[in-house]
Amino acid sequence: TGGDPCRPRGLPRSPWGCPRPPGLTSALCRSSPRPPRAMSGPPGLKPLVAVGQVTSTPDKELNFAACAGLVREAAHRGACLVFLPEGFDYIGSDTAQTLSLAEGLDGDLMGRYAELARDCGVWLSLGGFHERGRDWPTTQRIYNCHALLDPAGHLVAAYRKTHLCDVELEGRVTMKESSFTNPGTEIVPPVSTPAGKLGLSICYDLRFPEISLALRRAGAEILTYPSAFTVPTGSAHWEVLLRARAIESQCYVVAAAQTGKNHERRTSYGHALVVDPWGAVVAQCREGPGLCYAEIDLDYLHRIRREIPVHGHRRPDLYGTVAAAGLAAVP
């Protein structure tokens, strides 16, 4: 492949087709050591995921260059899945700009990401794409879409955010996503990937445990929350909510994040991270744009589920079953 930065020569390949530097294990972008596990899985090479933290602006070209650089770096390190946050395409400075910059899933930008996935041979979780849907001509409203691309560049899943962020923290934060965004109408079944079965959500969905439990019931092993949390809400709620979703579902939780000053009126919290099924934060980004890495140990996940079988202890006779239309239950 010559000088292709996504396919460095001389690197061994993992069983998932990803180049893997010798001896690479989970890498934390922060300086603190990895928390000890209550239980450990068997030794051996496990799928590596990379979680992005970016500072998107209204400049789509600069944003693509930054995200593409992170994807190439992650591929070089051997990641088979790369996660980018909500608003990876752009964050507009006002509603009019946000709507004017939006594209369809068949537009130029998603075409470039499909080519990037092919060139690098990785899966891409693109969480929070500003999508002009088929109803754009009549509604002039967009969808907040989490798109999943496989290494051939094919769109294998598209989840449209179902819980829209309408919040008002007096004197601090005001957001009304529903003023220009259509809510999604369905939860997407978990998708089989080299790292495990991936359940798709976006940002504000994190506050609703029902969606994570429905995805877990449908077989999810990894829950994703690509996000653009504000500083006031992030500093209070970000990590505790992500850890709660991991513990109650006994899933890995992966949360890519926006960080820093997106424009003159918005600053994002950052702290992209990965939580394991025991609730331990096993990777987290430092301040500023970058990546953190984690190995996904499904043997460890299933051991936790066996030893604390909360899924089988539920009492639907007392409080019903959390399920989603169209999602079949998986034992």
C-alpha atoms as a PDB file:
ATOM      1  CA  THR A   1       0.000   0.000   0.000  1.00  0.00           C
ATOM      2  CA  GLY A   2       3.012   2.301  -0.144  1.00  0.00           C
ATOM      3  CA  GLY A   3       2.525   5.491   1.791  1.00  0.00           C
ATOM      4  CA  ASP A   4      -1.088   4.979   2.813  1.00  0.00           C
ATOM      5  CA  PRO A   5      -1.145   6.225   6.443  1.00  0.00           C
ATOM      6  CA  CYS A   6      -4.085   3.979   7.246  1.00  0.00           C
ATOM      7  CA  ARG A   7      -2.238   0.796   6.344  1.00  0.00           C
ATOM      8  CA  PRO A   8       1.273   1.056   7.754  1.00  0.00           C
ATOM      9  CA  ARG A   9       3.665  -1.580   6.528  1.00  0.00           C
ATOM     10  CA  GLY A  10       5.241  -4.098   8.857  1.00  0.00           C
ATOM     11  CA  LEU A  11       2.496  -4.159  11.474  1.00  0.00           C
ATOM     12  CA  PRO A  12       0.894  -7.461  12.446  1.00  0.00           C
ATOM     13  CA  ARG A  13      -2.852  -7.691  11.938  1.00  0.00           C
ATOM     14  CA  SER A  14      -5.375  -8.574  14.578  1.00  0.00           C
ATOM     15  CA  PRO A  15      -7.995 -11.232  13.848  1.00  0.00           C
ATOM     16  CA  TRP A  16     -10.330  -8.381  12.841  1.00  0.00           C
ATOM     17  CA  GLY A  17      -8.125  -7.198   9.969  1.00  0.00           C
ATOM     18  CA  CYS A  18      -6.764  -4.142  11.784  1.00  0.00           C
ATOM     19  CA  PRO A  19      -3.008  -3.360  11.843  1.00  0.00           C
ATOM     20  CA  ARG A  20      -1.819  -3.752  15.422  1.00  0.00           C
ATOM     21  CA  PRO A  21       1.489  -2.508  16.853  1.00  0.00           C
ATOM     22  CA  PRO A  22       3.207  -5.190  18.927  1.00  0.00           C
ATOM     23  CA  GLY A  23       2.353  -5.123  22.608  1.00  0.00           C
ATOM     24  CA  LEU A  24      -0.389  -2.497  22.346  1.00  0.00           C
ATOM     25  CA  THR A  25      -3.068  -2.744  25.016  1.00  0.00           C
ATOM     26  CA  SER A  26      -5.701  -0.289  26.199  1.00  0.00           C
ATOM     27  CA  ALA A  27      -4.268   3.209  26.083  1.00  0.00           C
ATOM     28  CA  LEU A  28      -5.519   6.037  28.285  1.00  0.00           C
ATOM     29  CA  CYS A  29      -5.120   9.608  27.117  1.00  0.00           C
ATOM     30  CA  ARG A  30      -5.132  10.779  30.695  1.00  0.00           C
ATOM     31  CA  SER A  31      -2.126  10.215  32.929  1.00  0.00           C
ATOM     32  CA  SER A  32      -3.830   8.288  35.724  1.00  0.00           C
ATOM     33  CA  PRO A  33      -3.441   4.489  35.791  1.00  0.00           C
ATOM     34  CA  ARG A  34      -6.230   2.192  34.639  1.00  0.00           C
ATOM     35  CA  PRO A  35      -8.566   1.318  37.514  1.00  0.00           C
ATOM     36  CA  PRO A  36      -8.137  -2.257  38.755  1.00  0.00           C
ATOM     37  CA  ARG A  37     -10.804  -4.655  37.555  1.00  0.00           C
ATOM     38  CA  ALA A  38     -12.927  -6.564  39.969  1.00  0.00           C
ATOM     39  CA  MET A  39     -12.548  -9.487  37.563  1.00  0.00           C
ATOM     40  CA  SER A  40     -10.237  -9.950  34.624  1.00  0.00           C
ATOM     41  CA  GLY A  41     -10.756 -11.722  31.328  1.00  0.00           C
ATOM     42  CA  PRO A  42      -8.330 -14.180  29.793  1.00  0.00           C
ATOM     43  CA  PRO A  43      -5.106 -12.884  28.250  1.00  0.00           C
ATOM     44  CA  GLY A  44      -4.811 -12.419  24.508  1.00  0.00           C
ATOM     45  CA  LEU A  45      -5.459  -9.956  21.752  1.00  0.00           C
ATOM     46  CA  LYS A  46      -8.859  -8.295  21.945  1.00  0.00           C
ATOM     47  CA  PRO A  47     -10.616  -5.822  19.653  1.00  0.00           C
ATOM     48  CA  LEU A  48      -9.364  -2.267  20.083  1.00  0.00           C
ATOM     49  CA  VAL A  49     -11.675   0.734  19.807  1.00  0.00           C
ATOM     50  CA  ALA A  50     -10.694   4.389  19.511  1.00  0.00           C
ATOM     51  CA  VAL A  51     -12.846   7.178  20.908  1.00  0.00           C
ATOM     52  CA  GLY A  52     -12.538  10.670  19.492  1.00  0.00           C
ATOM     53  CA  GLN A  53     -12.693  14.053  21.154  1.00  0.00           C
ATOM     54  CA  VAL A  54     -12.905  17.048  18.832  1.00  0.00           C
ATOM     55  CA  THR A  55     -13.734  20.758  18.788  1.00  0.00           C
ATOM     56  CA  SER A  56     -16.108  21.199  15.878  1.00  0.00           C
ATOM     57  CA  THR A  57     -16.801  24.684  14.530  1.00  0.00           C
ATOM     58  CA  PRO A  58     -19.019  25.953  11.715  1.00  0.00           C
ATOM     59  CA  ASP A  59     -16.120  25.239   9.285  1.00  0.00           C
ATOM     60  CA  LYS A  60     -16.930  21.822   7.785  1.00  0.00           C
ATOM     61  CA  GLU A  61     -13.629  21.513   5.914  1.00  0.00           C
ATOM     62  CA  LEU A  62     -11.510  22.087   9.006  1.00  0.00           C
ATOM     63  CA  ASN A  63     -13.708  19.694  10.968  1.00  0.00           C
ATOM     64  CA  PHE A  64     -13.317  16.957   8.357  1.00  0.00           C
ATOM     65  CA  ALA A  65      -9.544  17.413   8.280  1.00  0.00           C
ATOM     66  CA  ALA A  66      -9.366  17.097  12.076  1.00  0.00           C
ATOM     67  CA  CYS A  67     -11.640  14.049  12.226  1.00  0.00           C
ATOM     68  CA  ALA A  68      -9.906  12.325   9.304  1.00  0.00           C
ATOM     69  CA  GLY A  69      -6.575  12.806  11.048  1.00  0.00           C
ATOM     70  CA  LEU A  70      -7.902  11.097  14.169  1.00  0.00           C
ATOM     71  CA  VAL A  71      -9.354   8.215  12.144  1.00  0.00           C
ATOM     72  CA  ARG A  72      -6.011   7.662  10.371  1.00  0.00           C
ATOM     73  CA  GLU A  73      -4.147   7.779  13.679  1.00  0.00           C
ATOM     74  CA  ALA A  74      -6.561   5.256  15.204  1.00  0.00           C
ATOM     75  CA  ALA A  75      -6.237   2.937  12.194  1.00  0.00           C
ATOM     76  CA  HIS A  76      -2.460   3.137  12.434  1.00  0.00           C
ATOM     77  CA  ARG A  77      -2.690   2.024  16.061  1.00  0.00           C
ATOM     78  CA  GLY A  78      -4.867  -0.940  15.180  1.00  0.00           C
ATOM     79  CA  ALA A  79      -8.356   0.179  16.142  1.00  0.00           C
ATOM     80  CA  CYS A  80     -11.127  -1.609  14.273  1.00  0.00           C
ATOM     81  CA  LEU A  81     -13.861   0.835  15.377  1.00  0.00           C
ATOM     82  CA  VAL A  82     -13.459   4.596  15.598  1.00  0.00           C
ATOM     83  CA  PHE A  83     -16.085   6.687  17.369  1.00  0.00           C
ATOM     84  CA  LEU A  84     -16.656  10.380  16.601  1.00  0.00           C
ATOM     85  CA  PRO A  85     -18.968  12.650  18.621  1.00  0.00           C
ATOM     86  CA  GLU A  86     -22.239  14.411  18.048  1.00  0.00           C
ATOM     87  CA  GLY A  87     -21.693  17.343  15.720  1.00  0.00           C
ATOM     88  CA  PHE A  88     -18.519  15.834  14.236  1.00  0.00           C
ATOM     89  CA  ASP A  89     -19.560  17.414  10.920  1.00  0.00           C
ATOM     90  CA  TYR A  90     -20.026  20.918  12.360  1.00  0.00           C
ATOM     91  CA  ILE A  91     -21.574  22.928  15.173  1.00  0.00           C
ATOM     92  CA  GLY A  92     -23.372  25.976  13.829  1.00  0.00           C
ATOM     93  CA  SER A  93     -23.360  29.313  15.586  1.00  0.00           C
ATOM     94  CA  ASP A  94     -27.139  29.709  15.244  1.00  0.00           C
ATOM     95  CA  THR A  95     -30.186  27.847  13.974  1.00  0.00           C
ATOM     96  CA  ALA A  96     -30.100  29.400  10.502  1.00  0.00           C
ATOM     97  CA  GLN A  97     -26.479  28.365   9.969  1.00  0.00           C
ATOM     98  CA  THR A  98     -27.106  24.896  11.395  1.00  0.00           C
ATOM     99  CA  LEU A  99     -29.900  24.312   8.894  1.00  0.00           C
ATOM    100  CA  SER A 100     -28.028  25.809   5.951  1.00  0.00           C
ATOM    101  CA  LEU A 101     -24.989  23.543   6.435  1.00  0.00           C
ATOM    102  CA  ALA A 102     -26.958  20.279   6.764  1.00  0.00           C
ATOM    103  CA  GLU A 103     -26.700  17.540   4.103  1.00  0.00           C
ATOM    104  CA  GLY A 104     -28.356  14.253   3.281  1.00  0.00           C
ATOM    105  CA  LEU A 105     -26.805  10.886   4.047  1.00  0.00           C
ATOM    106  CA  ASP A 106     -26.176  10.613   0.310  1.00  0.00           C
ATOM    107  CA  GLY A 107     -24.321  13.935   0.218  1.00  0.00           C
ATOM    108  CA  ASP A 108     -20.684  14.843  -0.287  1.00  0.00           C
ATOM    109  CA  LEU A 109     -19.584  14.731   3.348  1.00  0.00           C
ATOM    110  CA  MET A 110     -20.858  11.238   4.101  1.00  0.00           C
ATOM    111  CA  GLY A 111     -19.331  10.133   0.802  1.00  0.00           C
ATOM    112  CA  ARG A 112     -15.959  11.368   2.038  1.00  0.00           C
ATOM    113  CA  TYR A 113     -16.349   9.512   5.317  1.00  0.00           C
ATOM    114  CA  ALA A 114     -17.290   6.352   3.410  1.00  0.00           C
ATOM    115  CA  GLU A 115     -14.080   6.712   1.404  1.00  0.00           C
ATOM    116  CA  LEU A 116     -12.137   7.276   4.628  1.00  0.00           C
ATOM    117  CA  ALA A 117     -13.586   4.078   6.126  1.00  0.00           C
ATOM    118  CA  ARG A 118     -12.570   2.145   2.996  1.00  0.00           C
ATOM    119  CA  ASP A 119      -9.078   3.640   2.880  1.00  0.00           C
ATOM    120  CA  CYS A 120      -8.434   2.914   6.544  1.00  0.00           C
ATOM    121  CA  GLY A 121     -10.288  -0.400   6.744  1.00  0.00           C
ATOM    122  CA  VAL A 122     -12.178   0.584   9.906  1.00  0.00           C
ATOM    123  CA  TRP A 123     -15.732   0.839  11.139  1.00  0.00           C
ATOM    124  CA  LEU A 124     -16.841   4.433  11.780  1.00  0.00           C
ATOM    125  CA  SER A 125     -19.433   5.468  14.351  1.00  0.00           C
ATOM    126  CA  LEU A 126     -20.451   8.959  13.241  1.00  0.00           C
ATOM    127  CA  GLY A 127     -22.680  10.176  15.986  1.00  0.00           C
ATOM    128  CA  GLY A 128     -24.792  13.258  15.511  1.00  0.00           C
ATOM    129  CA  PHE A 129     -24.732  14.033  11.779  1.00  0.00           C
ATOM    130  CA  HIS A 130     -26.971  16.965  10.820  1.00  0.00           C
ATOM    131  CA  GLU A 131     -29.164  15.120   8.321  1.00  0.00           C
ATOM    132  CA  ARG A 132     -31.515  16.560   5.753  1.00  0.00           C
ATOM    133  CA  GLY A 133     -34.020  13.737   5.493  1.00  0.00           C
ATOM    134  CA  ARG A 134     -36.492  13.003   2.758  1.00  0.00           C
ATOM    135  CA  ASP A 135     -38.968  15.386   4.365  1.00  0.00           C
ATOM    136  CA  TRP A 136     -36.582  18.367   4.243  1.00  0.00           C
ATOM    137  CA  PRO A 137     -38.362  20.086   1.312  1.00  0.00           C
ATOM    138  CA  THR A 138     -41.646  20.170   3.245  1.00  0.00           C
ATOM    139  CA  THR A 139     -40.501  20.539   6.866  1.00  0.00           C
ATOM    140  CA  GLN A 140     -37.243  22.542   6.606  1.00  0.00           C
ATOM    141  CA  ARG A 141     -36.181  20.592   9.700  1.00  0.00           C
ATOM    142  CA  ILE A 142     -33.320  18.141  10.138  1.00  0.00           C
ATOM    143  CA  TYR A 143     -32.557  14.922  12.010  1.00  0.00           C
ATOM    144  CA  ASN A 144     -29.739  14.300  14.461  1.00  0.00           C
ATOM    145  CA  CYS A 145     -28.446  11.055  12.955  1.00  0.00           C
ATOM    146  CA  HIS A 146     -25.963   8.507  14.282  1.00  0.00           C
ATOM    147  CA  ALA A 147     -24.556   6.814  11.163  1.00  0.00           C
ATOM    148  CA  LEU A 148     -22.543   3.584  11.301  1.00  0.00           C
ATOM    149  CA  LEU A 149     -20.243   2.749   8.378  1.00  0.00           C
ATOM    150  CA  ASP A 150     -18.473  -0.577   7.836  1.00  0.00           C
ATOM    151  CA  PRO A 151     -14.915  -0.913   6.428  1.00  0.00           C
ATOM    152  CA  ALA A 152     -16.328  -1.102   2.899  1.00  0.00           C
ATOM    153  CA  GLY A 153     -17.872   2.340   3.433  1.00  0.00           C
ATOM    154  CA  HIS A 154     -21.421   1.001   3.481  1.00  0.00           C
ATOM    155  CA  LEU A 155     -24.023   2.617   5.721  1.00  0.00           C
ATOM    156  CA  VAL A 156     -25.105  -0.324   7.877  1.00  0.00           C
ATOM    157  CA  ALA A 157     -27.262   1.573  10.393  1.00  0.00           C
ATOM    158  CA  ALA A 158     -28.722   5.028  10.933  1.00  0.00           C
ATOM    159  CA  TYR A 159     -30.295   5.952  14.257  1.00  0.00           C
ATOM    160  CA  ARG A 160     -32.095   9.278  14.523  1.00  0.00           C
ATOM    161  CA  LYS A 161     -32.064  10.833  17.975  1.00  0.00           C
ATOM    162  CA  THR A 162     -35.363  10.189  19.726  1.00  0.00           C
ATOM    163  CA  HIS A 163     -34.937  12.412  22.806  1.00  0.00           C
ATOM    164  CA  LEU A 164     -34.342  16.041  21.820  1.00  0.00           C
ATOM    165  CA  CYS A 165     -32.493  18.343  24.180  1.00  0.00           C
ATOM    166  CA  ASP A 166     -34.810  21.134  25.312  1.00  0.00           C
ATOM    167  CA  VAL A 167     -33.327  22.496  28.537  1.00  0.00           C
ATOM    168  CA  GLU A 168     -33.063  25.842  30.268  1.00  0.00           C
ATOM    169  CA  LEU A 169     -30.642  26.370  33.132  1.00  0.00           C
ATOM    170  CA  GLU A 170     -31.383  29.896  34.232  1.00  0.00           C
ATOM    171  CA  GLY A 171     -28.502  32.224  33.462  1.00  0.00           C
ATOM    172  CA  ARG A 172     -26.306  29.410  32.148  1.00  0.00           C
ATOM    173  CA  VAL A 173     -27.604  27.206  29.315  1.00  0.00           C
ATOM    174  CA  THR A 174     -30.608  27.394  27.019  1.00  0.00           C
ATOM    175  CA  MET A 175     -31.131  24.767  24.311  1.00  0.00           C
ATOM    176  CA  LYS A 176     -34.213  23.932  22.258  1.00  0.00           C
ATOM    177  CA  GLU A 177     -33.237  21.222  19.807  1.00  0.00           C
ATOM    178  CA  SER A 178     -36.860  20.534  18.964  1.00  0.00           C
ATOM    179  CA  SER A 179     -37.194  23.976  17.351  1.00  0.00           C
ATOM    180  CA  PHE A 180     -35.303  22.795  14.250  1.00  0.00           C
ATOM    181  CA  THR A 181     -34.916  19.001  14.621  1.00  0.00           C
ATOM    182  CA  ASN A 182     -37.367  16.182  14.040  1.00  0.00           C
ATOM    183  CA  PRO A 183     -37.317  13.401  16.661  1.00  0.00           C
ATOM    184  CA  GLY A 184     -36.506   9.911  15.445  1.00  0.00           C
ATOM    185  CA  THR A 185     -39.287   7.366  15.467  1.00  0.00           C
ATOM    186  CA  GLU A 186     -37.487   4.101  16.209  1.00  0.00           C
ATOM    187  CA  ILE A 187     -34.679   2.435  18.123  1.00  0.00           C
ATOM    188  CA  VAL A 188     -32.269   0.605  15.815  1.00  0.00           C
ATOM    189  CA  PRO A 189     -31.424  -3.052  16.562  1.00  0.00           C
ATOM    190  CA  PRO A 190     -27.854  -3.639  17.809  1.00  0.00           C
ATOM    191  CA  VAL A 191     -25.337  -4.115  14.987  1.00  0.00           C
ATOM    192  CA  SER A 192     -22.733  -6.896  14.978  1.00  0.00           C
ATOM    193  CA  THR A 193     -19.209  -5.448  14.681  1.00  0.00           C
ATOM    194  CA  PRO A 194     -15.716  -6.860  15.269  1.00  0.00           C
ATOM    195  CA  ALA A 195     -15.828  -5.512  18.825  1.00  0.00           C
ATOM    196  CA  GLY A 196     -19.318  -6.684  19.732  1.00  0.00           C
ATOM    197  CA  LYS A 197     -22.969  -5.848  19.214  1.00  0.00           C
ATOM    198  CA  LEU A 198     -23.305  -2.086  19.064  1.00  0.00           C
ATOM    199  CA  GLY A 199     -26.353  -0.198  20.339  1.00  0.00           C
ATOM    200  CA  LEU A 200     -26.761   3.322  18.932  1.00  0.00           C
ATOM    201  CA  SER A 201     -27.878   6.380  20.900  1.00  0.00           C
ATOM    202  CA  ILE A 202     -26.945  10.085  20.956  1.00  0.00           C
ATOM    203  CA  CYS A 203     -26.102  12.499  23.783  1.00  0.00           C
ATOM    204  CA  TYR A 204     -29.368  13.460  25.559  1.00  0.00           C
ATOM    205  CA  ASP A 205     -30.582   9.853  25.152  1.00  0.00           C
ATOM    206  CA  LEU A 206     -28.113   9.133  27.962  1.00  0.00           C
ATOM    207  CA  ARG A 207     -30.618  10.515  30.479  1.00  0.00           C
ATOM    208  CA  PHE A 208     -33.203   7.860  29.599  1.00  0.00           C
ATOM    209  CA  PRO A 209     -32.244   4.395  30.900  1.00  0.00           C
ATOM    210  CA  GLU A 210     -35.181   2.855  29.045  1.00  0.00           C
ATOM    211  CA  ILE A 211     -33.360   3.019  25.703  1.00  0.00           C
ATOM    212  CA  SER A 212     -30.213   1.385  27.079  1.00  0.00           C
ATOM    213  CA  LEU A 213     -32.243  -1.380  28.735  1.00  0.00           C
ATOM    214  CA  ALA A 214     -34.200  -1.967  25.521  1.00  0.00           C
ATOM    215  CA  LEU A 215     -30.938  -2.241  23.568  1.00  0.00           C
ATOM    216  CA  ARG A 216     -29.478  -4.588  26.190  1.00  0.00           C
ATOM    217  CA  ARG A 217     -32.586  -6.780  25.972  1.00  0.00           C
ATOM    218  CA  ALA A 218     -32.080  -6.864  22.183  1.00  0.00           C
ATOM    219  CA  GLY A 219     -28.515  -8.149  22.579  1.00  0.00           C
ATOM    220  CA  ALA A 220     -26.319  -5.041  22.819  1.00  0.00           C
ATOM    221  CA  GLU A 221     -22.851  -5.484  24.313  1.00  0.00           C
ATOM    222  CA  ILE A 222     -21.602  -1.943  23.662  1.00  0.00           C
ATOM    223  CA  LEU A 223     -23.722   1.176  24.141  1.00  0.00           C
ATOM    224  CA  THR A 224     -22.665   4.359  22.389  1.00  0.00           C
ATOM    225  CA  TYR A 225     -23.403   7.932  23.430  1.00  0.00           C
ATOM    226  CA  PRO A 226     -21.628  10.327  21.056  1.00  0.00           C
ATOM    227  CA  SER A 227     -22.187  13.686  22.713  1.00  0.00           C
ATOM    228  CA  ALA A 228     -21.768  17.433  22.914  1.00  0.00           C
ATOM    229  CA  PHE A 229     -22.465  18.058  26.601  1.00  0.00           C
ATOM    230  CA  THR A 230     -22.318  21.590  27.955  1.00  0.00           C
ATOM    231  CA  VAL A 231     -19.888  22.415  30.758  1.00  0.00           C
ATOM    232  CA  PRO A 232     -22.547  22.892  33.497  1.00  0.00           C
ATOM    233  CA  THR A 233     -24.366  19.630  32.721  1.00  0.00           C
ATOM    234  CA  GLY A 234     -21.221  17.680  31.903  1.00  0.00           C
ATOM    235  CA  SER A 235     -19.371  18.563  35.088  1.00  0.00           C
ATOM    236  CA  ALA A 236     -22.373  17.466  37.153  1.00  0.00           C
ATOM    237  CA  HIS A 237     -23.783  14.489  35.264  1.00  0.00           C
ATOM    238  CA  TRP A 238     -21.565  13.152  32.442  1.00  0.00           C
ATOM    239  CA  GLU A 239     -19.481  10.459  34.103  1.00  0.00           C
ATOM    240  CA  VAL A 240     -22.053   9.325  36.646  1.00  0.00           C
ATOM    241  CA  LEU A 241     -24.718   8.822  33.959  1.00  0.00           C
ATOM    242  CA  LEU A 242     -22.356   6.894  31.680  1.00  0.00           C
ATOM    243  CA  ARG A 243     -21.234   4.656  34.525  1.00  0.00           C
ATOM    244  CA  ALA A 244     -24.841   4.080  35.576  1.00  0.00           C
ATOM    245  CA  ARG A 245     -25.803   2.991  32.049  1.00  0.00           C
ATOM    246  CA  ALA A 246     -22.858   0.564  31.996  1.00  0.00           C
ATOM    247  CA  ILE A 247     -23.657  -0.949  35.397  1.00  0.00           C
ATOM    248  CA  GLU A 248     -27.398  -1.385  34.911  1.00  0.00           C
ATOM    249  CA  SER A 249     -27.054  -2.848  31.399  1.00  0.00           C
ATOM    250  CA  GLN A 250     -23.785  -4.728  32.029  1.00  0.00           C
ATOM    251  CA  CYS A 251     -22.498  -3.343  28.727  1.00  0.00           C
ATOM    252  CA  TYR A 252     -19.418  -1.433  27.655  1.00  0.00           C
ATOM    253  CA  VAL A 253     -20.285   2.243  27.220  1.00  0.00           C
ATOM    254  CA  VAL A 254     -18.409   4.335  24.666  1.00  0.00           C
ATOM    255  CA  ALA A 255     -18.866   8.105  24.647  1.00  0.00           C
ATOM    256  CA  ALA A 256     -17.065  10.290  22.118  1.00  0.00           C
ATOM    257  CA  ALA A 257     -17.295  13.992  22.983  1.00  0.00           C
ATOM    258  CA  GLN A 258     -17.050  17.570  21.836  1.00  0.00           C
ATOM    259  CA  THR A 259     -14.575  19.661  23.817  1.00  0.00           C
ATOM    260  CA  GLY A 260     -13.627  23.310  24.120  1.00  0.00           C
ATOM    261  CA  LYS A 261     -14.927  26.416  22.373  1.00  0.00           C
ATOM    262  CA  ASN A 262     -17.043  25.508  19.343  1.00  0.00           C
ATOM    263  CA  HIS A 263     -17.928  29.132  18.627  1.00  0.00           C
ATOM    264  CA  GLU A 264     -18.307  32.388  20.522  1.00  0.00           C
ATOM    265  CA  ARG A 265     -21.473  31.271  22.297  1.00  0.00           C
ATOM    266  CA  ARG A 266     -20.752  27.610  23.003  1.00  0.00           C
ATOM    267  CA  THR A 267     -18.175  25.616  24.964  1.00  0.00           C
ATOM    268  CA  SER A 268     -18.358  21.819  25.291  1.00  0.00           C
ATOM    269  CA  TYR A 269     -17.377  19.695  28.272  1.00  0.00           C
ATOM    270  CA  GLY A 270     -15.191  16.994  26.671  1.00  0.00           C
ATOM    271  CA  HIS A 271     -14.049  14.009  28.754  1.00  0.00           C
ATOM    272  CA  ALA A 272     -14.624  11.367  26.079  1.00  0.00           C
ATOM    273  CA  LEU A 273     -14.422   8.005  27.799  1.00  0.00           C
ATOM    274  CA  VAL A 274     -15.038   4.270  27.863  1.00  0.00           C
ATOM    275  CA  VAL A 275     -16.704   2.470  30.781  1.00  0.00           C
ATOM    276  CA  ASP A 276     -16.512  -1.295  31.206  1.00  0.00           C
ATOM    277  CA  PRO A 277     -19.479  -3.494  32.284  1.00  0.00           C
ATOM    278  CA  TRP A 278     -18.356  -3.342  35.909  1.00  0.00           C
ATOM    279  CA  GLY A 279     -18.684   0.459  35.840  1.00  0.00           C
ATOM    280  CA  ALA A 280     -14.977   1.300  35.788  1.00  0.00           C
ATOM    281  CA  VAL A 281     -13.728   4.107  33.550  1.00  0.00           C
ATOM    282  CA  VAL A 282     -11.026   2.323  31.538  1.00  0.00           C
ATOM    283  CA  ALA A 283     -10.102   5.124  29.129  1.00  0.00           C
ATOM    284  CA  GLN A 284     -10.609   8.878  29.073  1.00  0.00           C
ATOM    285  CA  CYS A 285      -9.321  11.780  27.014  1.00  0.00           C
ATOM    286  CA  ARG A 286      -7.399  14.707  28.448  1.00  0.00           C
ATOM    287  CA  GLU A 287      -8.315  18.293  27.607  1.00  0.00           C
ATOM    288  CA  GLY A 288      -8.374  19.193  23.928  1.00  0.00           C
ATOM    289  CA  PRO A 289      -8.846  17.154  20.759  1.00  0.00           C
ATOM    290  CA  GLY A 290      -7.478  13.616  20.696  1.00  0.00           C
ATOM    291  CA  LEU A 291      -8.194   9.920  21.129  1.00  0.00           C
ATOM    292  CA  CYS A 292      -8.426   7.376  23.884  1.00  0.00           C
ATOM    293  CA  TYR A 293      -8.292   3.617  23.358  1.00  0.00           C
ATOM    294  CA  ALA A 294      -9.787   0.580  25.039  1.00  0.00           C
ATOM    295  CA  GLU A 295      -9.863  -3.144  24.420  1.00  0.00           C
ATOM    296  CA  ILE A 296     -13.311  -4.732  24.433  1.00  0.00           C
ATOM    297  CA  ASP A 297     -13.257  -7.951  26.441  1.00  0.00           C
ATOM    298  CA  LEU A 298     -16.500  -9.817  25.786  1.00  0.00           C
ATOM    299  CA  ASP A 299     -15.424 -12.787  27.905  1.00  0.00           C
ATOM    300  CA  TYR A 300     -15.198 -10.380  30.833  1.00  0.00           C
ATOM    301  CA  LEU A 301     -18.612  -8.910  29.968  1.00  0.00           C
ATOM    302  CA  HIS A 302     -20.314 -12.285  29.864  1.00  0.00           C
ATOM    303  CA  ARG A 303     -18.641 -13.349  33.110  1.00  0.00           C
ATOM    304  CA  ILE A 304     -20.116 -10.296  34.851  1.00  0.00           C
ATOM    305  CA  ARG A 305     -23.532 -11.143  33.427  1.00  0.00           C
ATOM    306  CA  ARG A 306     -23.236 -14.726  34.687  1.00  0.00           C
ATOM    307  CA  GLU A 307     -22.071 -13.790  38.167  1.00  0.00           C
ATOM    308  CA  ILE A 308     -24.623 -10.995  38.683  1.00  0.00           C
ATOM    309  CA  PRO A 309     -27.510 -12.082  36.430  1.00  0.00           C
ATOM    310  CA  VAL A 310     -29.715  -9.013  36.874  1.00  0.00           C
ATOM    311  CA  HIS A 311     -31.241  -9.471  33.415  1.00  0.00           C
ATOM    312  CA  GLY A 312     -32.807 -12.727  34.555  1.00  0.00           C
ATOM    313  CA  HIS A 313     -33.840 -11.318  37.939  1.00  0.00           C
ATOM    314  CA  ARG A 314     -36.154  -8.653  36.564  1.00  0.00           C
ATOM    315  CA  ARG A 315     -39.794  -8.739  37.687  1.00  0.00           C
ATOM    316  CA  PRO A 316     -41.921  -7.870  34.642  1.00  0.00           C
ATOM    317  CA  ASP A 317     -44.941  -9.116  36.600  1.00  0.00           C
ATOM    318  CA  LEU A 318     -44.473  -6.135  38.939  1.00  0.00           C
ATOM    319  CA  TYR A 319     -43.276  -3.298  36.695  1.00  0.00           C
ATOM    320  CA  GLY A 320     -43.500  -4.477  33.106  1.00  0.00           C
ATOM    321  CA  THR A 321     -40.762  -4.964  30.536  1.00  0.00           C
ATOM    322  CA  VAL A 322     -38.673  -2.256  28.931  1.00  0.00           C
ATOM    323  CA  ALA A 323     -38.736  -3.123  25.260  1.00  0.00           C
ATOM    324  CA  ALA A 324     -38.823  -1.318  21.925  1.00  0.00           C
ATOM    325  CA  ALA A 325     -41.034  -1.934  18.922  1.00  0.00           C
ATOM    326  CA  GLY A 326     -39.270  -4.018  16.317  1.00  0.00           C
ATOM    327  CA  LEU A 327     -36.480  -5.189  18.642  1.00  0.00           C
ATOM    328  CA  ALA A 328     -36.511  -8.922  19.358  1.00  0.00           C
ATOM    329  CA  ALA A 329     -35.375 -10.031  22.788  1.00  0.00           C
ATOM    330  CA  VAL A 330     -32.078 -11.932  23.004  1.00  0.00           C
ATOM    331  CA  PRO A 331     -31.468 -14.307  25.940  1.00  0.00           C
END
